[in-house]
């Protein structure tokens, strides 16, 4: 029997894309350094630091 296993339905999924951004799926609230808030259903967060779109991936790492 599986007494200790808790089954949950994930509300947010984070996928690490090899040599690419983090793909965040699900409804998320993103609080920016200036305090402004964005609500997104799906977004890609830059990991390379080259994006001209701030924290959001714009594909610059592929260039």
N, C-alpha and C. Protein backbone atom coordinates (compact mmCIF):
# COMPACT_ATOMS: atom_id res chain seq x y z
N UNK A 1 0.82 -1.20 0.00
CA UNK A 1 0.00 0.00 0.00
C UNK A 1 0.86 1.26 0.00
N UNK A 2 0.35 2.29 -0.61
CA UNK A 2 1.08 3.56 -0.72
C UNK A 2 0.53 4.57 0.28
N UNK A 3 0.76 4.33 1.55
CA UNK A 3 0.21 5.20 2.58
C UNK A 3 0.85 6.58 2.61
N UNK A 4 2.16 6.65 2.34
CA UNK A 4 2.89 7.90 2.51
C UNK A 4 2.96 8.75 1.25
N UNK A 5 2.37 8.32 0.17
CA UNK A 5 2.42 9.08 -1.08
C UNK A 5 1.22 10.01 -1.16
N UNK A 6 1.51 11.28 -1.36
CA UNK A 6 0.45 12.28 -1.51
C UNK A 6 0.39 12.66 -2.99
N UNK A 7 -0.75 12.45 -3.60
CA UNK A 7 -0.92 12.79 -5.01
C UNK A 7 -1.45 14.22 -5.11
N UNK A 8 -0.75 15.03 -5.87
CA UNK A 8 -1.16 16.42 -6.07
C UNK A 8 -1.24 16.71 -7.55
N UNK A 9 -2.00 17.73 -7.88
CA UNK A 9 -2.05 18.22 -9.25
C UNK A 9 -1.22 19.50 -9.27
N UNK A 10 -0.10 19.52 -10.00
CA UNK A 10 0.73 20.72 -9.99
C UNK A 10 0.01 21.91 -10.61
N UNK A 11 0.19 23.06 -10.00
CA UNK A 11 -0.41 24.28 -10.52
C UNK A 11 0.58 25.05 -11.37
N UNK A 12 1.85 24.86 -11.11
CA UNK A 12 2.90 25.52 -11.87
C UNK A 12 3.92 24.46 -12.25
N UNK A 13 4.38 24.52 -13.49
CA UNK A 13 5.40 23.58 -13.95
C UNK A 13 6.59 24.38 -14.46
N UNK A 14 7.78 24.03 -14.00
CA UNK A 14 9.01 24.67 -14.45
C UNK A 14 9.82 23.63 -15.20
N UNK A 15 10.12 23.92 -16.46
CA UNK A 15 10.91 23.01 -17.28
C UNK A 15 12.24 23.68 -17.60
N UNK A 16 13.33 22.99 -17.31
CA UNK A 16 14.65 23.50 -17.63
C UNK A 16 14.97 23.04 -19.05
N UNK A 17 15.13 23.99 -19.95
CA UNK A 17 15.45 23.69 -21.35
C UNK A 17 16.96 23.69 -21.47
N UNK A 18 17.51 22.59 -21.94
CA UNK A 18 18.96 22.46 -22.05
C UNK A 18 19.52 23.59 -22.92
N UNK A 19 20.52 24.28 -22.39
CA UNK A 19 21.16 25.42 -23.07
C UNK A 19 20.13 26.47 -23.46
N UNK A 20 19.11 26.65 -22.65
CA UNK A 20 18.07 27.62 -22.97
C UNK A 20 17.42 28.15 -21.70
N UNK A 21 16.24 28.75 -21.85
CA UNK A 21 15.57 29.39 -20.72
C UNK A 21 14.83 28.40 -19.84
N UNK A 22 14.26 28.93 -18.77
CA UNK A 22 13.32 28.17 -17.96
C UNK A 22 11.93 28.43 -18.52
N UNK A 23 11.19 27.37 -18.79
CA UNK A 23 9.80 27.51 -19.26
C UNK A 23 8.90 27.33 -18.06
N UNK A 24 8.13 28.36 -17.75
CA UNK A 24 7.23 28.31 -16.61
C UNK A 24 5.80 28.27 -17.15
N UNK A 25 5.10 27.19 -16.83
CA UNK A 25 3.72 27.03 -17.27
C UNK A 25 2.80 27.02 -16.06
N UNK A 26 1.63 27.54 -16.24
CA UNK A 26 0.68 27.69 -15.13
C UNK A 26 0.54 29.16 -14.82
N UNK A 27 -0.46 29.50 -14.07
CA UNK A 27 -0.67 30.91 -13.73
C UNK A 27 0.32 31.31 -12.65
N UNK A 28 1.17 32.27 -12.97
CA UNK A 28 2.17 32.75 -12.02
C UNK A 28 2.12 34.27 -11.91
N UNK A 29 2.47 34.73 -10.74
CA UNK A 29 2.58 36.17 -10.51
C UNK A 29 4.06 36.48 -10.40
N UNK A 30 4.53 37.42 -11.22
CA UNK A 30 5.94 37.80 -11.23
C UNK A 30 6.04 39.21 -10.69
N UNK A 31 6.82 39.37 -9.63
CA UNK A 31 7.01 40.69 -9.01
C UNK A 31 8.38 41.19 -9.44
N UNK A 32 8.39 42.30 -10.17
CA UNK A 32 9.62 42.88 -10.70
C UNK A 32 10.30 43.75 -9.65
N UNK A 33 11.59 44.06 -9.84
CA UNK A 33 12.32 44.86 -8.84
C UNK A 33 11.67 46.20 -8.51
N UNK A 34 10.96 46.79 -9.47
CA UNK A 34 10.32 48.09 -9.20
C UNK A 34 8.98 47.95 -8.48
N UNK A 35 8.59 46.69 -8.17
CA UNK A 35 7.34 46.45 -7.45
C UNK A 35 6.14 46.16 -8.34
N UNK A 36 6.30 46.38 -9.63
CA UNK A 36 5.18 46.08 -10.53
C UNK A 36 4.97 44.58 -10.61
N UNK A 37 3.73 44.20 -10.90
CA UNK A 37 3.35 42.79 -10.90
C UNK A 37 2.82 42.40 -12.27
N UNK A 38 3.32 41.28 -12.78
CA UNK A 38 2.83 40.71 -14.02
C UNK A 38 2.19 39.37 -13.72
N UNK A 39 1.07 39.08 -14.35
CA UNK A 39 0.45 37.76 -14.23
C UNK A 39 0.54 37.11 -15.59
N UNK A 40 1.14 35.93 -15.63
CA UNK A 40 1.34 35.23 -16.89
C UNK A 40 0.85 33.80 -16.76
N UNK A 41 0.39 33.26 -17.86
CA UNK A 41 0.00 31.85 -17.89
C UNK A 41 1.16 30.97 -18.31
N UNK A 42 2.01 31.51 -19.17
CA UNK A 42 3.21 30.80 -19.60
C UNK A 42 4.27 31.84 -19.92
N UNK A 43 5.50 31.57 -19.51
CA UNK A 43 6.58 32.50 -19.80
C UNK A 43 7.91 31.75 -19.85
N UNK A 44 8.89 32.39 -20.45
CA UNK A 44 10.23 31.83 -20.54
C UNK A 44 11.18 32.81 -19.87
N UNK A 45 11.88 32.35 -18.85
CA UNK A 45 12.80 33.19 -18.09
C UNK A 45 14.23 32.95 -18.60
N UNK A 46 14.91 34.04 -18.93
CA UNK A 46 16.27 33.98 -19.47
C UNK A 46 17.25 33.49 -18.40
N UNK A 47 18.14 32.58 -18.81
CA UNK A 47 19.21 32.12 -17.91
C UNK A 47 20.58 32.58 -18.38
N UNK A 48 20.69 33.10 -19.61
CA UNK A 48 22.02 33.44 -20.13
C UNK A 48 22.42 34.88 -19.84
N UNK A 49 21.45 35.74 -19.55
CA UNK A 49 21.76 37.14 -19.25
C UNK A 49 21.90 38.03 -20.46
N UNK A 50 21.68 37.50 -21.66
CA UNK A 50 21.83 38.30 -22.88
C UNK A 50 20.54 38.94 -23.37
N UNK A 51 19.42 38.59 -22.78
CA UNK A 51 18.13 39.06 -23.26
C UNK A 51 18.00 40.58 -23.16
N UNK A 52 17.46 41.17 -24.19
CA UNK A 52 17.16 42.61 -24.17
C UNK A 52 15.78 42.86 -23.58
N UNK A 53 15.10 41.78 -23.20
CA UNK A 53 13.76 41.86 -22.62
C UNK A 53 13.79 41.69 -21.11
N UNK A 54 14.86 42.09 -20.49
CA UNK A 54 14.97 41.94 -19.04
C UNK A 54 15.09 40.49 -18.66
N UNK A 55 14.22 40.04 -17.79
CA UNK A 55 14.30 38.65 -17.31
C UNK A 55 13.69 37.65 -18.29
N UNK A 56 12.96 38.14 -19.26
CA UNK A 56 12.26 37.25 -20.20
C UNK A 56 13.14 36.91 -21.40
N UNK A 57 13.14 35.64 -21.79
CA UNK A 57 13.95 35.20 -22.91
C UNK A 57 13.46 35.81 -24.22
N UNK A 58 14.41 36.29 -25.01
CA UNK A 58 14.07 36.80 -26.36
C UNK A 58 14.83 36.04 -27.44
N UNK A 59 15.48 34.94 -27.06
CA UNK A 59 16.21 34.12 -28.02
C UNK A 59 17.63 34.58 -28.27
N UNK A 60 18.11 35.60 -27.57
CA UNK A 60 19.46 36.13 -27.80
C UNK A 60 20.55 35.11 -27.59
N UNK A 61 20.34 34.14 -26.70
CA UNK A 61 21.37 33.12 -26.42
C UNK A 61 21.65 32.26 -27.64
N UNK A 62 20.70 32.16 -28.54
CA UNK A 62 20.85 31.31 -29.72
C UNK A 62 21.67 31.99 -30.81
N UNK A 63 21.87 33.28 -30.69
CA UNK A 63 22.58 34.02 -31.74
C UNK A 63 24.07 33.83 -31.67
